[in-house]
PDB file of N, CA and C in Angstrom:
ATOM      1  N   MET A   1     113.540  -3.315 -38.111  1.00  0.00           N
ATOM      2  CA  MET A   1     114.806  -4.017 -38.086  1.00  0.00           C
ATOM      3  C   MET A   1     115.794  -3.302 -39.006  1.00  0.00           C
ATOM      4  N   ARG A   2     117.002  -3.117 -38.517  1.00  0.00           N
ATOM      5  CA  ARG A   2     118.038  -2.444 -39.278  1.00  0.00           C
ATOM      6  C   ARG A   2     118.900  -3.483 -40.003  1.00  0.00           C
ATOM      7  N   THR A   3     119.285  -3.140 -41.215  1.00  0.00           N
ATOM      8  CA  THR A   3     120.144  -3.983 -42.029  1.00  0.00           C
ATOM      9  C   THR A   3     121.392  -3.195 -42.379  1.00  0.00           C
ATOM     10  N   THR A   4     122.518  -3.880 -42.387  1.00  0.00           N
ATOM     11  CA  THR A   4     123.777  -3.237 -42.771  1.00  0.00           C
ATOM     12  C   THR A   4     123.976  -3.387 -44.270  1.00  0.00           C
ATOM     13  N   TYR A   5     124.327  -2.272 -44.917  1.00  0.00           N
ATOM     14  CA  TYR A   5     124.586  -2.246 -46.352  1.00  0.00           C
ATOM     15  C   TYR A   5     125.955  -1.634 -46.609  1.00  0.00           C
ATOM     16  N   LEU A   6     126.657  -2.170 -47.590  1.00  0.00           N
ATOM     17  CA  LEU A   6     127.772  -1.456 -48.185  1.00  0.00           C
ATOM     18  C   LEU A   6     127.173  -0.655 -49.322  1.00  0.00           C
ATOM     19  N   VAL A   7     127.434   0.628 -49.332  1.00  0.00           N
ATOM     20  CA  VAL A   7     126.975   1.494 -50.415  1.00  0.00           C
ATOM     21  C   VAL A   7     128.227   1.905 -51.183  1.00  0.00           C
ATOM     22  N   CYS A   8     128.289   1.465 -52.439  1.00  0.00           N
ATOM     23  CA  CYS A   8     129.448   1.709 -53.285  1.00  0.00           C
ATOM     24  C   CYS A   8     128.997   2.515 -54.497  1.00  0.00           C
ATOM     25  N   TYR A   9     129.798   3.481 -54.885  1.00  0.00           N
ATOM     26  CA  TYR A   9     129.383   4.312 -56.011  1.00  0.00           C
ATOM     27  C   TYR A   9     130.557   4.665 -56.912  1.00  0.00           C
ATOM     28  N   ASP A  10     130.212   4.918 -58.167  1.00  0.00           N
ATOM     29  CA  ASP A  10     131.159   5.389 -59.171  1.00  0.00           C
ATOM     30  C   ASP A  10     130.481   6.555 -59.868  1.00  0.00           C
ATOM     31  N   VAL A  11     130.969   7.753 -59.613  1.00  0.00           N
ATOM     32  CA  VAL A  11     130.336   8.974 -60.119  1.00  0.00           C
ATOM     33  C   VAL A  11     131.351   9.709 -60.991  1.00  0.00           C
ATOM     34  N   ALA A  12     130.948  10.034 -62.218  1.00  0.00           N
ATOM     35  CA  ALA A  12     131.859  10.584 -63.216  1.00  0.00           C
ATOM     36  C   ALA A  12     132.184  12.067 -63.019  1.00  0.00           C
ATOM     37  N   ASN A  13     131.309  12.826 -62.404  1.00  0.00           N
ATOM     38  CA  ASN A  13     131.453  14.272 -62.280  1.00  0.00           C
ATOM     39  C   ASN A  13     131.820  14.649 -60.848  1.00  0.00           C
ATOM     40  N   ASP A  14     132.828  15.517 -60.681  1.00  0.00           N
ATOM     41  CA  ASP A  14     133.307  15.878 -59.337  1.00  0.00           C
ATOM     42  C   ASP A  14     132.228  16.529 -58.477  1.00  0.00           C
ATOM     43  N   LYS A  15     131.409  17.381 -59.061  1.00  0.00           N
ATOM     44  CA  LYS A  15     130.361  18.052 -58.292  1.00  0.00           C
ATOM     45  C   LYS A  15     129.340  17.035 -57.767  1.00  0.00           C
ATOM     46  N   ARG A  16     128.920  16.110 -58.637  1.00  0.00           N
ATOM     47  CA  ARG A  16     127.987  15.071 -58.203  1.00  0.00           C
ATOM     48  C   ARG A  16     128.647  14.144 -57.194  1.00  0.00           C
ATOM     49  N   LEU A  17     129.929  13.848 -57.389  1.00  0.00           N
ATOM     50  CA  LEU A  17     130.671  12.984 -56.474  1.00  0.00           C
ATOM     51  C   LEU A  17     130.663  13.554 -55.058  1.00  0.00           C
ATOM     52  N   ARG A  18     130.922  14.856 -54.937  1.00  0.00           N
ATOM     53  CA  ARG A  18     130.909  15.503 -53.612  1.00  0.00           C
ATOM     54  C   ARG A  18     129.522  15.440 -52.979  1.00  0.00           C
ATOM     55  N   LYS A  19     128.482  15.618 -53.790  1.00  0.00           N
ATOM     56  CA  LYS A  19     127.113  15.558 -53.265  1.00  0.00           C
ATOM     57  C   LYS A  19     126.763  14.147 -52.805  1.00  0.00           C
ATOM     58  N   VAL A  20     127.177  13.143 -53.574  1.00  0.00           N
ATOM     59  CA  VAL A  20     126.916  11.754 -53.183  1.00  0.00           C
ATOM     60  C   VAL A  20     127.665  11.434 -51.893  1.00  0.00           C
ATOM     61  N   PHE A  21     128.930  11.860 -51.795  1.00  0.00           N
ATOM     62  CA  PHE A  21     129.709  11.632 -50.575  1.00  0.00           C
ATOM     63  C   PHE A  21     129.023  12.263 -49.369  1.00  0.00           C
ATOM     64  N   LYS A  22     128.609  13.512 -49.496  1.00  0.00           N
ATOM     65  CA  LYS A  22     127.965  14.210 -48.383  1.00  0.00           C
ATOM     66  C   LYS A  22     126.658  13.522 -47.993  1.00  0.00           C
ATOM     67  N   THR A  23     125.882  13.094 -48.969  1.00  0.00           N
ATOM     68  CA  THR A  23     124.612  12.423 -48.688  1.00  0.00           C
ATOM     69  C   THR A  23     124.865  11.108 -47.953  1.00  0.00           C
ATOM     70  N   CYS A  24     125.805  10.315 -48.438  1.00  0.00           N
ATOM     71  CA  CYS A  24     126.120   9.042 -47.782  1.00  0.00           C
ATOM     72  C   CYS A  24     126.662   9.265 -46.369  1.00  0.00           C
ATOM     73  N   SER A  25     127.402  10.345 -46.175  1.00  0.00           N
ATOM     74  CA  SER A  25     127.948  10.660 -44.849  1.00  0.00           C
ATOM     75  C   SER A  25     126.848  10.863 -43.815  1.00  0.00           C
ATOM     76  N   ASN A  26     125.675  11.299 -44.264  1.00  0.00           N
ATOM     77  CA  ASN A  26     124.551  11.502 -43.349  1.00  0.00           C
ATOM     78  C   ASN A  26     123.896  10.193 -42.924  1.00  0.00           C
ATOM     79  N   PHE A  27     124.246   9.094 -43.580  1.00  0.00           N
ATOM     80  CA  PHE A  27     123.587   7.822 -43.320  1.00  0.00           C
ATOM     81  C   PHE A  27     124.513   6.727 -42.801  1.00  0.00           C
ATOM     82  N   GLY A  28     125.828   6.908 -42.926  1.00  0.00           N
ATOM     83  CA  GLY A  28     126.712   5.823 -42.513  1.00  0.00           C
ATOM     84  C   GLY A  28     128.148   6.249 -42.345  1.00  0.00           C
ATOM     85  N   ASP A  29     129.006   5.241 -42.243  1.00  0.00           N
ATOM     86  CA  ASP A  29     130.434   5.445 -41.988  1.00  0.00           C
ATOM     87  C   ASP A  29     131.231   5.259 -43.272  1.00  0.00           C
ATOM     88  N   HIS A  30     132.109   6.206 -43.525  1.00  0.00           N
ATOM     89  CA  HIS A  30     132.983   6.148 -44.696  1.00  0.00           C
ATOM     90  C   HIS A  30     134.065   5.107 -44.434  1.00  0.00           C
ATOM     91  N   LEU A  31     134.163   4.100 -45.295  1.00  0.00           N
ATOM     92  CA  LEU A  31     135.160   3.054 -45.111  1.00  0.00           C
ATOM     93  C   LEU A  31     136.404   3.310 -45.953  1.00  0.00           C
ATOM     94  N   GLN A  32     136.213   3.580 -47.237  1.00  0.00           N
ATOM     95  CA  GLN A  32     137.334   3.907 -48.114  1.00  0.00           C
ATOM     96  C   GLN A  32     136.788   4.440 -49.431  1.00  0.00           C
ATOM     97  N   PHE A  33     137.517   5.339 -50.033  1.00  0.00           N
ATOM     98  CA  PHE A  33     137.152   5.962 -51.299  1.00  0.00           C
ATOM     99  C   PHE A  33     135.643   6.091 -51.456  1.00  0.00           C
ATOM    100  N   SER A  34     135.046   5.322 -52.310  1.00  0.00           N
ATOM    101  CA  SER A  34     133.621   5.453 -52.619  1.00  0.00           C
ATOM    102  C   SER A  34     132.803   4.337 -51.994  1.00  0.00           C
ATOM    103  N   VAL A  35     133.113   4.007 -50.728  1.00  0.00           N
ATOM    104  CA  VAL A  35     132.424   2.922 -50.031  1.00  0.00           C
ATOM    105  C   VAL A  35     132.008   3.398 -48.642  1.00  0.00           C
ATOM    106  N   PHE A  36     130.724   3.182 -48.329  1.00  0.00           N
ATOM    107  CA  PHE A  36     130.176   3.493 -47.017  1.00  0.00           C
ATOM    108  C   PHE A  36     129.530   2.252 -46.427  1.00  0.00           C
ATOM    109  N   GLU A  37     129.542   2.149 -45.104  1.00  0.00           N
ATOM    110  CA  GLU A  37     128.786   1.119 -44.382  1.00  0.00           C
ATOM    111  C   GLU A  37     127.634   1.832 -43.693  1.00  0.00           C
ATOM    112  N   CYS A  38     126.416   1.414 -44.008  1.00  0.00           N
ATOM    113  CA  CYS A  38     125.223   2.081 -43.494  1.00  0.00           C
ATOM    114  C   CYS A  38     124.289   1.073 -42.843  1.00  0.00           C
ATOM    115  N   ASP A  39     123.908   1.318 -41.594  1.00  0.00           N
ATOM    116  CA  ASP A  39     122.888   0.523 -40.915  1.00  0.00           C
ATOM    117  C   ASP A  39     121.568   1.256 -41.099  1.00  0.00           C
ATOM    118  N   LEU A  40     120.673   0.682 -41.897  1.00  0.00           N
ATOM    119  CA  LEU A  40     119.451   1.383 -42.298  1.00  0.00           C
ATOM    120  C   LEU A  40     118.214   0.551 -42.006  1.00  0.00           C
ATOM    121  N   ASN A  41     117.147   1.238 -41.578  1.00  0.00           N
ATOM    122  CA  ASN A  41     115.847   0.578 -41.543  1.00  0.00           C
ATOM    123  C   ASN A  41     115.243   0.758 -42.938  1.00  0.00           C
ATOM    124  N   PRO A  42     114.142   0.073 -43.250  1.00  0.00           N
ATOM    125  CA  PRO A  42     113.599   0.149 -44.612  1.00  0.00           C
ATOM    126  C   PRO A  42     113.283   1.573 -45.094  1.00  0.00           C
ATOM    127  N   SER A  43     112.761   2.423 -44.228  1.00  0.00           N
ATOM    128  CA  SER A  43     112.431   3.782 -44.673  1.00  0.00           C
ATOM    129  C   SER A  43     113.687   4.618 -44.907  1.00  0.00           C
ATOM    130  N   GLU A  44     114.736   4.404 -44.103  1.00  0.00           N
ATOM    131  CA  GLU A  44     115.998   5.116 -44.326  1.00  0.00           C
ATOM    132  C   GLU A  44     116.649   4.671 -45.630  1.00  0.00           C
ATOM    133  N   LYS A  45     116.538   3.387 -45.964  1.00  0.00           N
ATOM    134  CA  LYS A  45     117.107   2.893 -47.226  1.00  0.00           C
ATOM    135  C   LYS A  45     116.413   3.564 -48.406  1.00  0.00           C
ATOM    136  N   ILE A  46     115.094   3.657 -48.345  1.00  0.00           N
ATOM    137  CA  ILE A  46     114.344   4.327 -49.414  1.00  0.00           C
ATOM    138  C   ILE A  46     114.735   5.795 -49.495  1.00  0.00           C
ATOM    139  N   GLU A  47     114.889   6.438 -48.340  1.00  0.00           N
ATOM    140  CA  GLU A  47     115.283   7.852 -48.302  1.00  0.00           C
ATOM    141  C   GLU A  47     116.657   8.052 -48.948  1.00  0.00           C
ATOM    142  N   LEU A  48     117.618   7.175 -48.618  1.00  0.00           N
ATOM    143  CA  LEU A  48     118.961   7.287 -49.190  1.00  0.00           C
ATOM    144  C   LEU A  48     118.935   6.984 -50.690  1.00  0.00           C
ATOM    145  N   GLU A  49     118.227   5.944 -51.090  1.00  0.00           N
ATOM    146  CA  GLU A  49     118.131   5.606 -52.513  1.00  0.00           C
ATOM    147  C   GLU A  49     117.521   6.761 -53.310  1.00  0.00           C
ATOM    148  N   THR A  50     116.487   7.369 -52.766  1.00  0.00           N
ATOM    149  CA  THR A  50     115.825   8.484 -53.446  1.00  0.00           C
ATOM    150  C   THR A  50     116.755   9.683 -53.558  1.00  0.00           C
ATOM    151  N   ALA A  51     117.438  10.010 -52.457  1.00  0.00           N
ATOM    152  CA  ALA A  51     118.356  11.152 -52.455  1.00  0.00           C
ATOM    153  C   ALA A  51     119.469  10.946 -53.482  1.00  0.00           C
ATOM    154  N   LEU A  52     120.040   9.741 -53.516  1.00  0.00           N
ATOM    155  CA  LEU A  52     121.121   9.464 -54.463  1.00  0.00           C
ATOM    156  C   LEU A  52     120.619   9.451 -55.894  1.00  0.00           C
ATOM    157  N   SER A  53     119.423   8.932 -56.101  1.00  0.00           N
ATOM    158  CA  SER A  53     118.837   8.893 -57.438  1.00  0.00           C
ATOM    159  C   SER A  53     118.625  10.296 -57.994  1.00  0.00           C
ATOM    160  N   ASN A  54     118.335  11.242 -57.103  1.00  0.00           N
ATOM    161  CA  ASN A  54     118.127  12.632 -57.513  1.00  0.00           C
ATOM    162  C   ASN A  54     119.439  13.358 -57.807  1.00  0.00           C
ATOM    163  N   ILE A  55     120.554  12.817 -57.359  1.00  0.00           N
ATOM    164  CA  ILE A  55     121.868  13.451 -57.563  1.00  0.00           C
ATOM    165  C   ILE A  55     122.570  12.915 -58.801  1.00  0.00           C
ATOM    166  N   ILE A  56     122.570  11.605 -58.955  1.00  0.00           N
ATOM    167  CA  ILE A  56     123.412  10.999 -59.999  1.00  0.00           C
ATOM    168  C   ILE A  56     122.827  11.171 -61.397  1.00  0.00           C
ATOM    169  N   ASN A  57     123.706  11.044 -62.370  1.00  0.00           N
ATOM    170  CA  ASN A  57     123.313  10.962 -63.773  1.00  0.00           C
ATOM    171  C   ASN A  57     123.207   9.475 -64.079  1.00  0.00           C
ATOM    172  N   HIS A  58     122.009   9.001 -64.354  1.00  0.00           N
ATOM    173  CA  HIS A  58     121.771   7.571 -64.515  1.00  0.00           C
ATOM    174  C   HIS A  58     122.442   6.980 -65.760  1.00  0.00           C
ATOM    175  N   GLU A  59     122.901   7.827 -66.661  1.00  0.00           N
ATOM    176  CA  GLU A  59     123.601   7.362 -67.857  1.00  0.00           C
ATOM    177  C   GLU A  59     125.107   7.198 -67.608  1.00  0.00           C
ATOM    178  N   GLU A  60     125.655   7.952 -66.633  1.00  0.00           N
ATOM    179  CA  GLU A  60     127.102   7.967 -66.416  1.00  0.00           C
ATOM    180  C   GLU A  60     127.542   7.361 -65.084  1.00  0.00           C
ATOM    181  N   ASP A  61     126.691   7.391 -64.077  1.00  0.00           N
ATOM    182  CA  ASP A  61     127.064   7.021 -62.712  1.00  0.00           C
ATOM    183  C   ASP A  61     126.357   5.738 -62.291  1.00  0.00           C
ATOM    184  N   GLN A  62     126.864   5.142 -61.222  1.00  0.00           N
ATOM    185  CA  GLN A  62     126.149   4.013 -60.639  1.00  0.00           C
ATOM    186  C   GLN A  62     126.364   3.964 -59.136  1.00  0.00           C
ATOM    187  N   VAL A  63     125.340   3.451 -58.458  1.00  0.00           N
ATOM    188  CA  VAL A  63     125.375   3.249 -57.014  1.00  0.00           C
ATOM    189  C   VAL A  63     124.894   1.824 -56.767  1.00  0.00           C
ATOM    190  N   ILE A  64     125.602   1.106 -55.909  1.00  0.00           N
ATOM    191  CA  ILE A  64     125.252  -0.275 -55.604  1.00  0.00           C
ATOM    192  C   ILE A  64     125.072  -0.415 -54.095  1.00  0.00           C
ATOM    193  N   PHE A  65     123.977  -1.047 -53.681  1.00  0.00           N
ATOM    194  CA  PHE A  65     123.727  -1.391 -52.287  1.00  0.00           C
ATOM    195  C   PHE A  65     123.962  -2.896 -52.146  1.00  0.00           C
ATOM    196  N   VAL A  66     124.856  -3.282 -51.239  1.00  0.00           N
ATOM    197  CA  VAL A  66     125.131  -4.689 -50.976  1.00  0.00           C
ATOM    198  C   VAL A  66     124.672  -4.985 -49.553  1.00  0.00           C
ATOM    199  N   GLY A  67     123.626  -5.795 -49.422  1.00  0.00           N
ATOM    200  CA  GLY A  67     123.113  -6.145 -48.095  1.00  0.00           C
ATOM    201  C   GLY A  67     124.034  -7.123 -47.389  1.00  0.00           C
ATOM    202  N   LEU A  68     124.394  -6.789 -46.126  1.00  0.00           N
ATOM    203  CA  LEU A  68     125.267  -7.652 -45.334  1.00  0.00           C
ATOM    204  C   LEU A  68     124.528  -8.390 -44.230  1.00  0.00           C
ATOM    205  N   GLY A  69     123.227  -8.140 -44.113  1.00  0.00           N
ATOM    206  CA  GLY A  69     122.439  -8.820 -43.091  1.00  0.00           C
ATOM    207  C   GLY A  69     122.042  -7.901 -41.963  1.00  0.00           C
ATOM    208  N   PRO A  70     121.384  -8.479 -40.950  1.00  0.00           N
ATOM    209  CA  PRO A  70     120.897  -7.672 -39.816  1.00  0.00           C
ATOM    210  C   PRO A  70     122.032  -6.927 -39.122  1.00  0.00           C
ATOM    211  N   ALA A  71     121.748  -5.692 -38.743  1.00  0.00           N
ATOM    212  CA  ALA A  71     122.755  -4.853 -38.083  1.00  0.00           C
ATOM    213  C   ALA A  71     122.959  -5.257 -36.629  1.00  0.00           C
ATOM    214  N   GLU A  72     121.944  -5.833 -35.994  1.00  0.00           N
ATOM    215  CA  GLU A  72     122.039  -6.197 -34.582  1.00  0.00           C
ATOM    216  C   GLU A  72     123.116  -7.243 -34.366  1.00  0.00           C
ATOM    217  N   GLY A  73     123.964  -6.995 -33.377  1.00  0.00           N
ATOM    218  CA  GLY A  73     124.990  -7.960 -33.011  1.00  0.00           C
ATOM    219  C   GLY A  73     126.211  -7.969 -33.908  1.00  0.00           C
ATOM    220  N   ARG A  74     126.310  -7.011 -34.817  1.00  0.00           N
ATOM    221  CA  ARG A  74     127.457  -6.996 -35.731  1.00  0.00           C
ATOM    222  C   ARG A  74     128.708  -6.449 -35.057  1.00  0.00           C
ATOM    223  N   GLY A  75     128.572  -5.657 -34.025  1.00  0.00           N
ATOM    224  CA  GLY A  75     129.743  -5.180 -33.305  1.00  0.00           C
ATOM    225  C   GLY A  75     130.387  -3.944 -33.883  1.00  0.00           C
ATOM    226  N   GLY A  76     129.741  -3.273 -34.820  1.00  0.00           N
ATOM    227  CA  GLY A  76     130.265  -2.001 -35.302  1.00  0.00           C
ATOM    228  C   GLY A  76     130.941  -2.105 -36.645  1.00  0.00           C
ATOM    229  N   SER A  77     131.378  -0.953 -37.119  1.00  0.00           N
ATOM    230  CA  SER A  77     131.979  -0.823 -38.439  1.00  0.00           C
ATOM    231  C   SER A  77     133.198  -1.713 -38.586  1.00  0.00           C
ATOM    232  N   GLY A  78     133.239  -2.443 -39.682  1.00  0.00           N
ATOM    233  CA  GLY A  78     134.402  -3.253 -39.981  1.00  0.00           C
ATOM    234  C   GLY A  78     134.409  -4.625 -39.336  1.00  0.00           C
ATOM    235  N   ASP A  79     133.456  -4.935 -38.465  1.00  0.00           N
ATOM    236  CA  ASP A  79     133.392  -6.232 -37.800  1.00  0.00           C
ATOM    237  C   ASP A  79     132.454  -7.132 -38.585  1.00  0.00           C
ATOM    238  N   TYR A  80     133.011  -7.978 -39.418  1.00  0.00           N
ATOM    239  CA  TYR A  80     132.190  -8.811 -40.284  1.00  0.00           C
ATOM    240  C   TYR A  80     132.053 -10.230 -39.770  1.00  0.00           C
ATOM    241  N   GLY A  81     132.379 -10.427 -38.504  1.00  0.00           N
ATOM    242  CA  GLY A  81     132.125 -11.713 -37.873  1.00  0.00           C
ATOM    243  C   GLY A  81     133.089 -12.791 -38.313  1.00  0.00           C
ATOM    244  N   PRO A  82     132.845 -14.001 -37.790  1.00  0.00           N
ATOM    245  CA  PRO A  82     133.741 -15.101 -38.119  1.00  0.00           C
ATOM    246  C   PRO A  82     133.648 -15.490 -39.585  1.00  0.00           C
ATOM    247  N   GLY A  83     134.721 -15.878 -40.128  1.00  0.00           N
ATOM    248  CA  GLY A  83     134.744 -16.294 -41.518  1.00  0.00           C
ATOM    249  C   GLY A  83     135.931 -17.210 -41.744  1.00  0.00           C
ATOM    250  N   PRO A  84     136.139 -17.625 -42.956  1.00  0.00           N
ATOM    251  CA  PRO A  84     137.253 -18.521 -43.247  1.00  0.00           C
ATOM    252  C   PRO A  84     138.585 -17.830 -42.977  1.00  0.00           C
ATOM    253  N   SER A  85     139.514 -18.597 -42.529  1.00  0.00           N
ATOM    254  CA  SER A  85     140.851 -18.066 -42.271  1.00  0.00           C
ATOM    255  C   SER A  85     141.558 -17.768 -43.580  1.00  0.00           C
ATOM    256  N   LEU A  86     142.347 -16.714 -43.591  1.00  0.00           N
ATOM    257  CA  LEU A  86     143.109 -16.363 -44.771  1.00  0.00           C
ATOM    258  C   LEU A  86     144.475 -17.042 -44.782  1.00  0.00           C
ATOM    259  N   ARG A  87     144.806 -17.705 -43.678  1.00  0.00           N
ATOM    260  CA  ARG A  87     146.087 -18.389 -43.587  1.00  0.00           C
ATOM    261  C   ARG A  87     145.960 -19.824 -44.102  1.00  0.00           C
ATOM    262  N   GLU A  88     147.009 -20.297 -44.701  1.00  0.00           N
ATOM    263  CA  GLU A  88     147.055 -21.707 -45.093  1.00  0.00           C
ATOM    264  C   GLU A  88     147.672 -22.489 -43.954  1.00  0.00           C
ATOM    265  N   THR A  89     147.150 -23.691 -43.714  1.00  0.00           N
ATOM    266  CA  THR A  89     147.715 -24.523 -42.639  1.00  0.00           C
ATOM    267  C   THR A  89     148.440 -25.711 -43.202  1.00  0.00           C
TER     268      THR A  89
END
């Protein structure tokens, strides 16, 4: 089963930043700045976590995975389904 994750990162060094961007690009869609949407099965998530862990400096950088739920039926990048209206009535 595939799960959708937002992968967000803050990397202090430009060289590491480019490597993290390239690695994330292999696993998902770039949404904005340091945010990717990735539909991953459990082994792909471990692979991405391991790859990023080998790139970043754990004292200066951080990477966060935010689980958004099952990827099936989501309708693609940016489609987060029904939610509360932003308009006031």
